[in-house]
């Protein structure tokens, strides 16, 4: 009887891990597609905020791939991967900063039509990813960090939509740069929060009381 109970628990864990992998594969695919779309739109429109969004989608795709790799792994392994995710977010922030600097040195008016269409498609994709990951937002550090990335994407998607509207309204490129700067700060904050949570989980896994 006890063996049967153990088998039941094992099967339930396996089903849960299969659901997690399926959701992560779905959001990975969505982010890869939106990365390509946003990068092409950023090149066509000359938008700093679209470039920021595309790099964020690429970083998220890498994040979800890592999340898939450690589904079912130990808490320590998940925490180490979460630290790597924080590093990816930081790299995206650095790339955004470089893009903003280049735009400041070569100012021009972005094409708000391309910005608007791409921004709306990106926001819709981000909302879909958030919906898929919503049930796992309070899960372990692996899925929780993936959900945090998805939440950032929604903020980023809404910000790019606002940037496109502001470029059209004011007929100037400064709103695009302003939104790009706001996204830079958002990425830095997210990298810090994910790294801090991952460090605490790593300390717990090692049996050390986190400070």
N, C-alpha and C. Protein backbone atom coordinates (compact mmCIF):
# COMPACT_ATOMS: atom_id res chain seq x y z
N UNK A 1 0.84 -1.20 0.00
CA UNK A 1 0.00 0.00 0.00
C UNK A 1 0.87 1.24 0.00
N UNK A 2 1.94 1.24 0.84
CA UNK A 2 2.81 2.40 0.92
C UNK A 2 3.52 2.63 -0.41
N UNK A 3 3.88 1.51 -1.11
CA UNK A 3 4.53 1.64 -2.41
C UNK A 3 3.59 2.31 -3.40
N UNK A 4 2.31 1.96 -3.36
CA UNK A 4 1.33 2.56 -4.27
C UNK A 4 1.20 4.06 -4.01
N UNK A 5 1.20 4.42 -2.71
CA UNK A 5 1.10 5.85 -2.38
C UNK A 5 2.31 6.59 -2.91
N UNK A 6 3.48 5.98 -2.79
CA UNK A 6 4.68 6.61 -3.31
C UNK A 6 4.64 6.77 -4.81
N UNK A 7 4.10 5.76 -5.50
CA UNK A 7 3.98 5.84 -6.96
C UNK A 7 3.02 6.96 -7.36
N UNK A 8 1.95 7.09 -6.59
CA UNK A 8 0.98 8.14 -6.90
C UNK A 8 1.60 9.52 -6.78
N UNK A 9 2.41 9.73 -5.73
CA UNK A 9 3.06 11.02 -5.56
C UNK A 9 4.06 11.28 -6.67
N UNK A 10 4.78 10.24 -7.07
CA UNK A 10 5.76 10.39 -8.14
C UNK A 10 5.09 10.76 -9.46
N UNK A 11 3.96 10.11 -9.75
CA UNK A 11 3.23 10.41 -10.97
C UNK A 11 2.69 11.84 -10.96
N UNK A 12 2.22 12.28 -9.80
CA UNK A 12 1.70 13.65 -9.69
C UNK A 12 2.81 14.67 -9.92
N UNK A 13 3.99 14.41 -9.36
CA UNK A 13 5.12 15.31 -9.57
C UNK A 13 5.52 15.34 -11.03
N UNK A 14 5.52 14.16 -11.66
CA UNK A 14 5.88 14.10 -13.07
C UNK A 14 4.88 14.85 -13.94
N UNK A 15 3.59 14.74 -13.60
CA UNK A 15 2.57 15.47 -14.36
C UNK A 15 2.74 16.98 -14.17
N UNK A 16 3.04 17.41 -12.94
CA UNK A 16 3.26 18.83 -12.67
C UNK A 16 4.45 19.35 -13.45
N UNK A 17 5.54 18.58 -13.46
CA UNK A 17 6.73 19.00 -14.19
C UNK A 17 6.47 19.04 -15.69
N UNK A 18 5.66 18.12 -16.19
CA UNK A 18 5.31 18.12 -17.61
C UNK A 18 4.50 19.37 -17.96
N UNK A 19 3.57 19.77 -17.08
CA UNK A 19 2.80 21.00 -17.31
C UNK A 19 3.72 22.22 -17.31
N UNK A 20 4.67 22.24 -16.38
CA UNK A 20 5.59 23.37 -16.32
C UNK A 20 6.42 23.46 -17.60
N UNK A 21 6.94 22.33 -18.05
CA UNK A 21 7.73 22.34 -19.29
C UNK A 21 6.90 22.78 -20.48
N UNK A 22 5.66 22.32 -20.55
CA UNK A 22 4.80 22.68 -21.68
C UNK A 22 4.55 24.19 -21.71
N UNK A 23 4.28 24.78 -20.54
CA UNK A 23 4.04 26.22 -20.48
C UNK A 23 5.32 26.98 -20.84
N UNK A 24 6.45 26.52 -20.34
CA UNK A 24 7.71 27.20 -20.63
C UNK A 24 8.07 27.12 -22.10
N UNK A 25 7.79 25.98 -22.74
CA UNK A 25 8.02 25.87 -24.18
C UNK A 25 7.13 26.85 -24.95
N UNK A 26 5.91 27.01 -24.49
CA UNK A 26 4.99 27.93 -25.16
C UNK A 26 5.48 29.37 -25.07
N UNK A 27 5.86 29.81 -23.86
CA UNK A 27 6.31 31.19 -23.71
C UNK A 27 7.67 31.40 -24.38
N UNK A 28 8.50 30.36 -24.42
CA UNK A 28 9.77 30.45 -25.14
C UNK A 28 9.53 30.71 -26.62
N UNK A 29 8.62 29.96 -27.22
CA UNK A 29 8.30 30.14 -28.64
C UNK A 29 7.74 31.53 -28.92
N UNK A 30 6.83 31.98 -28.06
CA UNK A 30 6.24 33.31 -28.24
C UNK A 30 7.31 34.39 -28.18
N UNK A 31 8.25 34.28 -27.24
CA UNK A 31 9.28 35.30 -27.10
C UNK A 31 10.28 35.29 -28.25
N UNK A 32 10.59 34.13 -28.79
CA UNK A 32 11.47 34.08 -29.95
C UNK A 32 10.82 34.75 -31.16
N UNK A 33 9.53 34.50 -31.36
CA UNK A 33 8.81 35.10 -32.49
C UNK A 33 8.70 36.62 -32.31
N UNK A 34 8.39 37.07 -31.10
CA UNK A 34 8.27 38.51 -30.87
C UNK A 34 9.63 39.19 -30.94
N UNK A 35 10.70 38.49 -30.57
CA UNK A 35 12.04 39.06 -30.71
C UNK A 35 12.34 39.38 -32.17
N UNK A 36 12.07 38.43 -33.06
CA UNK A 36 12.32 38.66 -34.48
C UNK A 36 11.45 39.81 -35.00
N UNK A 37 10.18 39.81 -34.63
CA UNK A 37 9.27 40.86 -35.08
C UNK A 37 9.71 42.23 -34.58
N UNK A 38 10.07 42.32 -33.30
CA UNK A 38 10.46 43.60 -32.70
C UNK A 38 11.79 44.09 -33.25
N UNK A 39 12.72 43.19 -33.51
CA UNK A 39 14.01 43.60 -34.05
C UNK A 39 13.85 44.17 -35.45
N UNK A 40 13.03 43.52 -36.27
CA UNK A 40 12.78 44.04 -37.62
C UNK A 40 12.07 45.38 -37.56
N UNK A 41 11.10 45.51 -36.63
CA UNK A 41 10.37 46.77 -36.49
C UNK A 41 11.28 47.87 -35.97
N UNK A 42 12.20 47.54 -35.05
CA UNK A 42 13.14 48.53 -34.53
C UNK A 42 14.07 49.02 -35.64
N UNK A 43 14.52 48.10 -36.49
CA UNK A 43 15.39 48.48 -37.61
C UNK A 43 14.63 49.36 -38.60
N UNK A 44 13.37 49.02 -38.87
CA UNK A 44 12.58 49.78 -39.84
C UNK A 44 12.20 51.15 -39.31
N UNK A 45 11.84 51.24 -38.03
CA UNK A 45 11.34 52.50 -37.48
C UNK A 45 12.43 53.36 -36.85
N UNK A 46 13.57 52.74 -36.50
CA UNK A 46 14.61 53.48 -35.81
C UNK A 46 14.24 53.83 -34.38
N UNK A 47 13.51 52.92 -33.72
CA UNK A 47 13.01 53.19 -32.37
C UNK A 47 13.90 52.55 -31.31
N UNK A 48 14.33 53.38 -30.33
CA UNK A 48 15.13 52.87 -29.22
C UNK A 48 14.30 51.98 -28.30
N UNK A 49 13.04 52.35 -28.09
CA UNK A 49 12.20 51.55 -27.19
C UNK A 49 11.87 50.19 -27.80
N UNK A 50 11.68 50.13 -29.11
CA UNK A 50 11.46 48.83 -29.76
C UNK A 50 12.72 47.97 -29.67
N UNK A 51 13.88 48.60 -29.84
CA UNK A 51 15.13 47.85 -29.69
C UNK A 51 15.24 47.29 -28.28
N UNK A 52 14.89 48.11 -27.28
CA UNK A 52 14.92 47.64 -25.89
C UNK A 52 13.99 46.44 -25.71
N UNK A 53 12.79 46.55 -26.28
CA UNK A 53 11.83 45.46 -26.15
C UNK A 53 12.29 44.18 -26.82
N UNK A 54 12.93 44.32 -27.99
CA UNK A 54 13.39 43.13 -28.70
C UNK A 54 14.49 42.42 -27.93
N UNK A 55 15.42 43.19 -27.35
CA UNK A 55 16.48 42.59 -26.55
C UNK A 55 15.92 41.94 -25.30
N UNK A 56 14.89 42.55 -24.73
CA UNK A 56 14.24 41.95 -23.57
C UNK A 56 13.61 40.62 -23.93
N UNK A 57 12.97 40.55 -25.10
CA UNK A 57 12.35 39.29 -25.54
C UNK A 57 13.40 38.20 -25.76
N UNK A 58 14.55 38.59 -26.32
CA UNK A 58 15.62 37.61 -26.52
C UNK A 58 16.13 37.11 -25.17
N UNK A 59 16.34 38.04 -24.23
CA UNK A 59 16.78 37.62 -22.90
C UNK A 59 15.78 36.72 -22.22
N UNK A 60 14.49 37.02 -22.40
CA UNK A 60 13.46 36.17 -21.80
C UNK A 60 13.44 34.78 -22.43
N UNK A 61 13.66 34.72 -23.73
CA UNK A 61 13.71 33.41 -24.39
C UNK A 61 14.83 32.56 -23.79
N UNK A 62 15.98 33.17 -23.57
CA UNK A 62 17.08 32.45 -22.92
C UNK A 62 16.71 32.04 -21.50
N UNK A 63 16.00 32.94 -20.82
CA UNK A 63 15.55 32.66 -19.45
C UNK A 63 14.63 31.45 -19.41
N UNK A 64 13.66 31.42 -20.33
CA UNK A 64 12.72 30.30 -20.35
C UNK A 64 13.40 29.00 -20.73
N UNK A 65 14.40 29.08 -21.62
CA UNK A 65 15.15 27.87 -21.98
C UNK A 65 15.87 27.32 -20.76
N UNK A 66 16.47 28.20 -19.96
CA UNK A 66 17.12 27.76 -18.73
C UNK A 66 16.11 27.19 -17.74
N UNK A 67 14.94 27.81 -17.69
CA UNK A 67 13.90 27.32 -16.77
C UNK A 67 13.47 25.90 -17.14
N UNK A 68 13.37 25.64 -18.44
CA UNK A 68 13.01 24.29 -18.89
C UNK A 68 14.08 23.30 -18.45
N UNK A 69 15.35 23.72 -18.54
CA UNK A 69 16.45 22.81 -18.25
C UNK A 69 16.48 22.36 -16.79
N UNK A 70 15.97 23.21 -15.87
CA UNK A 70 16.08 22.88 -14.45
C UNK A 70 14.74 22.51 -13.82
N UNK A 71 13.70 22.28 -14.63
CA UNK A 71 12.45 21.77 -14.07
C UNK A 71 12.73 20.40 -13.44
N UNK A 72 12.39 20.26 -12.19
CA UNK A 72 12.65 19.00 -11.48
C UNK A 72 14.02 18.92 -10.85
N UNK A 73 14.85 19.96 -11.02
CA UNK A 73 16.18 19.96 -10.43
C UNK A 73 16.11 20.37 -8.96
N UNK A 74 17.24 20.37 -8.29
CA UNK A 74 17.28 20.74 -6.88
C UNK A 74 17.06 22.24 -6.70
N UNK A 75 16.73 22.63 -5.49
CA UNK A 75 16.52 24.04 -5.18
C UNK A 75 17.78 24.84 -5.44
N UNK A 76 18.93 24.26 -5.10
CA UNK A 76 20.19 24.97 -5.31
C UNK A 76 20.45 25.21 -6.80
N UNK A 77 20.16 24.21 -7.63
CA UNK A 77 20.36 24.36 -9.07
C UNK A 77 19.44 25.43 -9.64
N UNK A 78 18.18 25.44 -9.18
CA UNK A 78 17.24 26.45 -9.65
C UNK A 78 17.68 27.85 -9.22
N UNK A 79 18.22 27.97 -8.02
CA UNK A 79 18.67 29.26 -7.53
C UNK A 79 19.87 29.75 -8.33
N UNK A 80 20.78 28.85 -8.67
CA UNK A 80 21.93 29.25 -9.48
C UNK A 80 21.50 29.70 -10.87
N UNK A 81 20.53 29.01 -11.45
CA UNK A 81 20.02 29.41 -12.76
C UNK A 81 19.31 30.76 -12.67
N UNK A 82 18.61 30.99 -11.57
CA UNK A 82 17.95 32.28 -11.38
C UNK A 82 18.98 33.41 -11.32
N UNK A 83 20.12 33.15 -10.70
CA UNK A 83 21.20 34.14 -10.70
C UNK A 83 21.68 34.42 -12.12
N UNK A 84 21.75 33.38 -12.94
CA UNK A 84 22.14 33.56 -14.33
C UNK A 84 21.09 34.37 -15.08
N UNK A 85 19.82 34.15 -14.75
CA UNK A 85 18.74 34.94 -15.36
C UNK A 85 18.91 36.42 -15.03
N UNK A 86 19.27 36.70 -13.78
CA UNK A 86 19.50 38.10 -13.38
C UNK A 86 20.63 38.70 -14.20
N UNK A 87 21.65 37.90 -14.49
CA UNK A 87 22.76 38.37 -15.31
C UNK A 87 22.29 38.68 -16.73
N UNK A 88 21.40 37.84 -17.29
CA UNK A 88 20.85 38.10 -18.61
C UNK A 88 20.08 39.42 -18.64
N UNK A 89 19.29 39.65 -17.60
CA UNK A 89 18.52 40.90 -17.53
C UNK A 89 19.47 42.09 -17.46
N UNK A 90 20.55 41.94 -16.70
CA UNK A 90 21.54 43.01 -16.60
C UNK A 90 22.20 43.27 -17.95
N UNK A 91 22.51 42.20 -18.68
CA UNK A 91 23.11 42.36 -20.01
C UNK A 91 22.15 43.10 -20.95
N UNK A 92 20.85 42.79 -20.85
CA UNK A 92 19.86 43.48 -21.66
C UNK A 92 19.84 44.97 -21.31
N UNK A 93 19.96 45.27 -20.01
CA UNK A 93 19.98 46.67 -19.58
C UNK A 93 21.20 47.40 -20.16
N UNK A 94 22.34 46.73 -20.17
CA UNK A 94 23.55 47.34 -20.73
C UNK A 94 23.37 47.60 -22.23
N UNK A 95 22.77 46.63 -22.93
CA UNK A 95 22.54 46.80 -24.36
C UNK A 95 21.58 47.96 -24.63
N UNK A 96 20.57 48.10 -23.79
CA UNK A 96 19.63 49.21 -23.92
C UNK A 96 20.35 50.54 -23.71
N UNK A 97 21.23 50.58 -22.71
CA UNK A 97 21.98 51.81 -22.44
C UNK A 97 22.85 52.19 -23.63
N UNK A 98 23.47 51.20 -24.26
CA UNK A 98 24.29 51.47 -25.44
C UNK A 98 23.41 52.00 -26.58
N UNK A 99 22.22 51.39 -26.76
CA UNK A 99 21.30 51.83 -27.81
C UNK A 99 20.83 53.26 -27.59
N UNK A 100 20.55 53.60 -26.33
CA UNK A 100 20.12 54.96 -26.01
C UNK A 100 21.24 55.96 -26.31
N UNK A 101 22.47 55.59 -25.95
CA UNK A 101 23.60 56.45 -26.23
C UNK A 101 23.78 56.69 -27.72
N UNK A 102 23.59 55.62 -28.50
CA UNK A 102 23.73 55.76 -29.96
C UNK A 102 22.64 56.66 -30.52
N UNK A 103 21.42 56.51 -30.01
CA UNK A 103 20.31 57.34 -30.48
C UNK A 103 20.52 58.81 -30.12
N UNK A 104 21.11 59.06 -28.95
CA UNK A 104 21.38 60.43 -28.56
C UNK A 104 22.44 61.06 -29.47
N UNK A 105 23.38 60.23 -29.90
CA UNK A 105 24.43 60.74 -30.80
C UNK A 105 23.93 60.89 -32.23
N UNK A 106 22.88 60.15 -32.59
CA UNK A 106 22.32 60.21 -33.95
C UNK A 106 20.81 60.40 -33.86
N UNK A 107 20.36 61.57 -33.43
CA UNK A 107 18.91 61.79 -33.23
C UNK A 107 18.13 61.81 -34.54
N UNK A 108 16.95 61.22 -34.51
CA UNK A 108 16.03 61.29 -35.63
C UNK A 108 14.64 60.90 -35.14
N UNK A 109 13.64 61.19 -35.95
CA UNK A 109 12.25 60.90 -35.58
C UNK A 109 11.89 59.47 -35.98
N UNK A 110 11.53 58.60 -35.02
CA UNK A 110 11.13 57.23 -35.36
C UNK A 110 9.82 57.22 -36.15
N UNK A 111 9.61 56.16 -36.93
CA UNK A 111 8.35 55.98 -37.65
C UNK A 111 7.32 55.42 -36.67
N UNK A 112 6.39 56.28 -36.27
CA UNK A 112 5.46 55.86 -35.21
C UNK A 112 4.49 54.80 -35.71
N UNK A 113 4.23 54.73 -37.03
CA UNK A 113 3.32 53.69 -37.54
C UNK A 113 3.90 52.30 -37.28
N UNK A 114 5.18 52.11 -37.63
CA UNK A 114 5.83 50.82 -37.37
C UNK A 114 5.92 50.56 -35.87
N UNK A 115 6.24 51.61 -35.12
CA UNK A 115 6.32 51.46 -33.66
C UNK A 115 4.99 51.01 -33.08
N UNK A 116 3.91 51.67 -33.51
CA UNK A 116 2.60 51.36 -32.95
C UNK A 116 2.15 49.94 -33.22
N UNK A 117 2.28 49.51 -34.47
CA UNK A 117 1.85 48.15 -34.83
C UNK A 117 2.67 47.11 -34.07
N UNK A 118 3.99 47.28 -34.07
CA UNK A 118 4.85 46.32 -33.39
C UNK A 118 4.59 46.33 -31.88
N UNK A 119 4.38 47.53 -31.32
CA UNK A 119 4.15 47.64 -29.88
C UNK A 119 2.87 46.94 -29.47
N UNK A 120 1.81 47.08 -30.25
CA UNK A 120 0.54 46.43 -29.92
C UNK A 120 0.66 44.91 -30.02
N UNK A 121 1.33 44.42 -31.06
CA UNK A 121 1.53 42.97 -31.20
C UNK A 121 2.37 42.44 -30.05
N UNK A 122 3.39 43.19 -29.68
CA UNK A 122 4.26 42.77 -28.59
C UNK A 122 3.50 42.73 -27.26
N UNK A 123 2.68 43.76 -27.02
CA UNK A 123 1.91 43.79 -25.77
C UNK A 123 0.94 42.61 -25.71
N UNK A 124 0.30 42.29 -26.83
CA UNK A 124 -0.63 41.16 -26.86
C UNK A 124 0.11 39.85 -26.55
N UNK A 125 1.29 39.69 -27.13
CA UNK A 125 2.09 38.48 -26.88
C UNK A 125 2.52 38.42 -25.41
N UNK A 126 2.91 39.56 -24.85
CA UNK A 126 3.33 39.59 -23.44
C UNK A 126 2.19 39.25 -22.50
N UNK A 127 1.00 39.75 -22.80
CA UNK A 127 -0.16 39.43 -21.98
C UNK A 127 -0.50 37.94 -22.04
N UNK A 128 -0.33 37.35 -23.22
CA UNK A 128 -0.57 35.91 -23.37
C UNK A 128 0.43 35.11 -22.52
N UNK A 129 1.70 35.52 -22.54
CA UNK A 129 2.71 34.83 -21.74
C UNK A 129 2.41 34.97 -20.24
N UNK A 130 1.99 36.17 -19.84
CA UNK A 130 1.66 36.38 -18.43
C UNK A 130 0.49 35.49 -18.02
N UNK A 131 -0.49 35.35 -18.90
CA UNK A 131 -1.64 34.50 -18.60
C UNK A 131 -1.20 33.04 -18.46
N UNK A 132 -0.30 32.60 -19.29
CA UNK A 132 0.16 31.21 -19.24
C UNK A 132 0.95 30.93 -17.95
N UNK A 133 1.71 31.93 -17.49
CA UNK A 133 2.56 31.73 -16.31
C UNK A 133 1.88 32.11 -15.00
N UNK A 134 0.70 32.72 -15.09
CA UNK A 134 0.01 33.21 -13.89
C UNK A 134 -0.16 32.14 -12.80
N UNK A 135 -0.56 30.91 -13.13
CA UNK A 135 -0.75 29.91 -12.06
C UNK A 135 0.54 29.56 -11.32
N UNK A 136 1.70 29.92 -11.87
CA UNK A 136 2.98 29.51 -11.28
C UNK A 136 3.71 30.68 -10.61
N UNK A 137 3.03 31.81 -10.44
CA UNK A 137 3.71 33.01 -9.93
C UNK A 137 4.16 32.84 -8.49
N UNK A 138 3.51 31.95 -7.72
CA UNK A 138 3.88 31.72 -6.33
C UNK A 138 4.61 30.39 -6.16
N UNK A 139 5.12 29.84 -7.26
CA UNK A 139 5.79 28.56 -7.19
C UNK A 139 7.23 28.69 -6.74
N UNK A 140 8.06 27.71 -7.13
CA UNK A 140 9.46 27.74 -6.74
C UNK A 140 10.19 28.87 -7.48
N UNK A 141 11.45 29.06 -7.15
CA UNK A 141 12.22 30.19 -7.69
C UNK A 141 12.34 30.11 -9.20
N UNK A 142 12.31 28.89 -9.75
CA UNK A 142 12.44 28.72 -11.19
C UNK A 142 11.25 29.34 -11.93
N UNK A 143 10.03 28.95 -11.56
CA UNK A 143 8.84 29.46 -12.23
C UNK A 143 8.52 30.88 -11.78
N UNK A 144 8.81 31.19 -10.52
CA UNK A 144 8.54 32.55 -10.03
C UNK A 144 9.38 33.58 -10.75
N UNK A 145 10.65 33.24 -11.02
CA UNK A 145 11.51 34.18 -11.74
C UNK A 145 11.07 34.31 -13.20
N UNK A 146 10.58 33.22 -13.78
CA UNK A 146 10.05 33.30 -15.14
C UNK A 146 8.82 34.20 -15.19
N UNK A 147 7.96 34.09 -14.17
CA UNK A 147 6.78 34.95 -14.11
C UNK A 147 7.17 36.41 -13.93
N UNK A 148 8.22 36.66 -13.13
CA UNK A 148 8.69 38.03 -12.93
C UNK A 148 9.17 38.63 -14.26
N UNK A 149 9.84 37.83 -15.06
CA UNK A 149 10.28 38.30 -16.38
C UNK A 149 9.07 38.63 -17.26
N UNK A 150 8.04 37.79 -17.17
CA UNK A 150 6.84 38.02 -17.98
C UNK A 150 6.12 39.28 -17.54
N UNK A 151 6.07 39.54 -16.23
CA UNK A 151 5.45 40.76 -15.74
C UNK A 151 6.19 41.99 -16.25
N UNK A 152 7.53 41.92 -16.25
CA UNK A 152 8.32 43.01 -16.80
C UNK A 152 8.00 43.24 -18.27
N UNK A 153 7.75 42.15 -18.99
CA UNK A 153 7.42 42.26 -20.41
C UNK A 153 6.13 43.04 -20.62
N UNK A 154 5.15 42.82 -19.74
CA UNK A 154 3.89 43.54 -19.87
C UNK A 154 4.12 45.03 -19.65
N UNK A 155 4.90 45.37 -18.62
CA UNK A 155 5.24 46.78 -18.40
C UNK A 155 5.95 47.36 -19.62
N UNK A 156 6.91 46.58 -20.12
CA UNK A 156 7.68 47.03 -21.29
C UNK A 156 6.78 47.21 -22.50
N UNK A 157 5.85 46.26 -22.70
CA UNK A 157 4.94 46.36 -23.84
C UNK A 157 4.05 47.58 -23.77
N UNK A 158 3.51 47.84 -22.58
CA UNK A 158 2.69 49.03 -22.41
C UNK A 158 3.48 50.31 -22.59
N UNK A 159 4.73 50.32 -22.13
CA UNK A 159 5.58 51.50 -22.26
C UNK A 159 5.88 51.80 -23.73
N UNK A 160 6.12 50.78 -24.51
CA UNK A 160 6.42 51.00 -25.93
C UNK A 160 5.19 51.53 -26.67
N UNK A 161 4.01 51.05 -26.30
CA UNK A 161 2.78 51.59 -26.88
C UNK A 161 2.66 53.09 -26.56
N UNK A 162 2.93 53.45 -25.31
CA UNK A 162 2.89 54.86 -24.93
C UNK A 162 3.94 55.66 -25.69
N UNK A 163 5.11 55.07 -25.91
CA UNK A 163 6.15 55.78 -26.66
C UNK A 163 5.70 56.06 -28.08
N UNK A 164 5.07 55.08 -28.72
CA UNK A 164 4.59 55.28 -30.09
C UNK A 164 3.53 56.38 -30.14
N UNK A 165 2.62 56.38 -29.17
CA UNK A 165 1.58 57.42 -29.12
C UNK A 165 2.20 58.80 -28.90
N UNK A 166 3.21 58.87 -28.01
CA UNK A 166 3.82 60.15 -27.71
C UNK A 166 4.62 60.68 -28.89
N UNK A 167 5.29 59.80 -29.62
CA UNK A 167 6.02 60.22 -30.82
C UNK A 167 5.05 60.80 -31.84
N UNK A 168 3.91 60.16 -32.00
CA UNK A 168 2.89 60.67 -32.93
C UNK A 168 2.30 61.99 -32.45
N UNK A 169 2.04 62.08 -31.14
CA UNK A 169 1.39 63.27 -30.59
C UNK A 169 2.30 64.50 -30.64
N UNK A 170 3.56 64.31 -30.25
CA UNK A 170 4.48 65.44 -30.16
C UNK A 170 5.31 65.64 -31.44
N UNK A 171 5.32 64.65 -32.31
CA UNK A 171 6.12 64.76 -33.52
C UNK A 171 7.60 64.90 -33.24
N UNK A 172 8.06 64.22 -32.20
CA UNK A 172 9.46 64.31 -31.79
C UNK A 172 9.95 62.94 -31.33
N UNK A 173 11.27 62.79 -31.27
CA UNK A 173 11.84 61.51 -30.88
C UNK A 173 12.14 61.36 -29.41
N UNK A 174 12.02 62.46 -28.63
CA UNK A 174 12.39 62.37 -27.21
C UNK A 174 11.52 61.42 -26.40
N UNK A 175 10.20 61.25 -26.70
CA UNK A 175 9.44 60.28 -25.90
C UNK A 175 9.98 58.85 -26.05
N UNK A 176 10.46 58.52 -27.24
CA UNK A 176 11.03 57.20 -27.48
C UNK A 176 12.25 56.98 -26.60
N UNK A 177 13.12 57.99 -26.53
CA UNK A 177 14.31 57.88 -25.69
C UNK A 177 13.94 57.85 -24.21
N UNK A 178 12.93 58.63 -23.84
CA UNK A 178 12.50 58.66 -22.45
C UNK A 178 11.98 57.29 -22.00
N UNK A 179 11.17 56.66 -22.86
CA UNK A 179 10.66 55.32 -22.54
C UNK A 179 11.81 54.32 -22.50
N UNK A 180 12.77 54.47 -23.41
CA UNK A 180 13.93 53.59 -23.39
C UNK A 180 14.69 53.69 -22.08
N UNK A 181 14.82 54.92 -21.57
CA UNK A 181 15.50 55.12 -20.29
C UNK A 181 14.70 54.49 -19.15
N UNK A 182 13.37 54.64 -19.18
CA UNK A 182 12.52 54.03 -18.15
C UNK A 182 12.65 52.51 -18.16
N UNK A 183 12.73 51.93 -19.35
CA UNK A 183 12.90 50.47 -19.46
C UNK A 183 14.26 50.04 -18.93
N UNK A 184 15.28 50.87 -19.17
CA UNK A 184 16.61 50.58 -18.63
C UNK A 184 16.55 50.48 -17.11
N UNK A 185 15.89 51.43 -16.47
CA UNK A 185 15.77 51.42 -15.01
C UNK A 185 14.95 50.21 -14.54
N UNK A 186 13.91 49.86 -15.31
CA UNK A 186 13.10 48.70 -14.97
C UNK A 186 13.92 47.42 -15.02
N UNK A 187 14.75 47.27 -16.06
CA UNK A 187 15.58 46.07 -16.19
C UNK A 187 16.58 45.97 -15.04
N UNK A 188 17.18 47.10 -14.67
CA UNK A 188 18.14 47.09 -13.56
C UNK A 188 17.45 46.68 -12.26
N UNK A 189 16.25 47.22 -12.03
CA UNK A 189 15.50 46.86 -10.81
C UNK A 189 15.13 45.38 -10.82
N UNK A 190 14.71 44.88 -11.97
CA UNK A 190 14.32 43.47 -12.07
C UNK A 190 15.52 42.56 -11.85
N UNK A 191 16.67 42.91 -12.42
CA UNK A 191 17.88 42.10 -12.24
C UNK A 191 18.24 42.01 -10.76
N UNK A 192 18.13 43.13 -10.05
CA UNK A 192 18.44 43.15 -8.63
C UNK A 192 17.47 42.28 -7.83
N UNK A 193 16.18 42.38 -8.13
CA UNK A 193 15.19 41.63 -7.37
C UNK A 193 15.33 40.12 -7.61
N UNK A 194 15.54 39.72 -8.87
CA UNK A 194 15.70 38.30 -9.17
C UNK A 194 16.96 37.76 -8.52
N UNK A 195 18.05 38.52 -8.59
CA UNK A 195 19.31 38.08 -8.00
C UNK A 195 19.19 37.96 -6.48
N UNK A 196 18.51 38.91 -5.85
CA UNK A 196 18.34 38.87 -4.40
C UNK A 196 17.52 37.66 -3.97
N UNK A 197 16.41 37.39 -4.69
CA UNK A 197 15.58 36.23 -4.35
C UNK A 197 16.34 34.93 -4.58
N UNK A 198 17.11 34.86 -5.67
CA UNK A 198 17.87 33.66 -5.97
C UNK A 198 18.95 33.42 -4.91
N UNK A 199 19.59 34.49 -4.46
CA UNK A 199 20.62 34.36 -3.44
C UNK A 199 20.03 33.82 -2.13
N UNK A 200 18.86 34.32 -1.78
CA UNK A 200 18.22 33.83 -0.55
C UNK A 200 17.88 32.35 -0.66
N UNK A 201 17.36 31.94 -1.82
CA UNK A 201 17.03 30.53 -2.02
C UNK A 201 18.29 29.68 -1.98
N UNK A 202 19.38 30.20 -2.52
CA UNK A 202 20.64 29.46 -2.51
C UNK A 202 21.16 29.29 -1.09
N UNK A 203 21.00 30.32 -0.27
CA UNK A 203 21.42 30.23 1.13
C UNK A 203 20.57 29.22 1.89
N UNK A 204 19.27 29.21 1.59
CA UNK A 204 18.38 28.23 2.23
C UNK A 204 18.78 26.81 1.83
N UNK A 205 19.09 26.63 0.54
CA UNK A 205 19.48 25.30 0.07
C UNK A 205 20.77 24.81 0.73
N UNK A 206 21.63 25.76 1.08
CA UNK A 206 22.90 25.41 1.74
C UNK A 206 22.73 25.26 3.26
N UNK A 207 21.52 25.56 3.76
CA UNK A 207 21.28 25.46 5.17
C UNK A 207 21.75 26.67 5.95
N UNK A 208 21.91 27.79 5.24
CA UNK A 208 22.37 29.03 5.89
C UNK A 208 21.17 29.95 6.04
N UNK A 209 21.01 30.53 7.21
CA UNK A 209 19.89 31.45 7.44
C UNK A 209 20.14 32.75 6.68
N UNK A 210 19.27 33.11 5.68
CA UNK A 210 19.50 34.34 4.93
C UNK A 210 19.36 35.57 5.79
N UNK A 211 20.19 36.58 5.48
CA UNK A 211 20.16 37.83 6.23
C UNK A 211 19.04 38.72 5.75
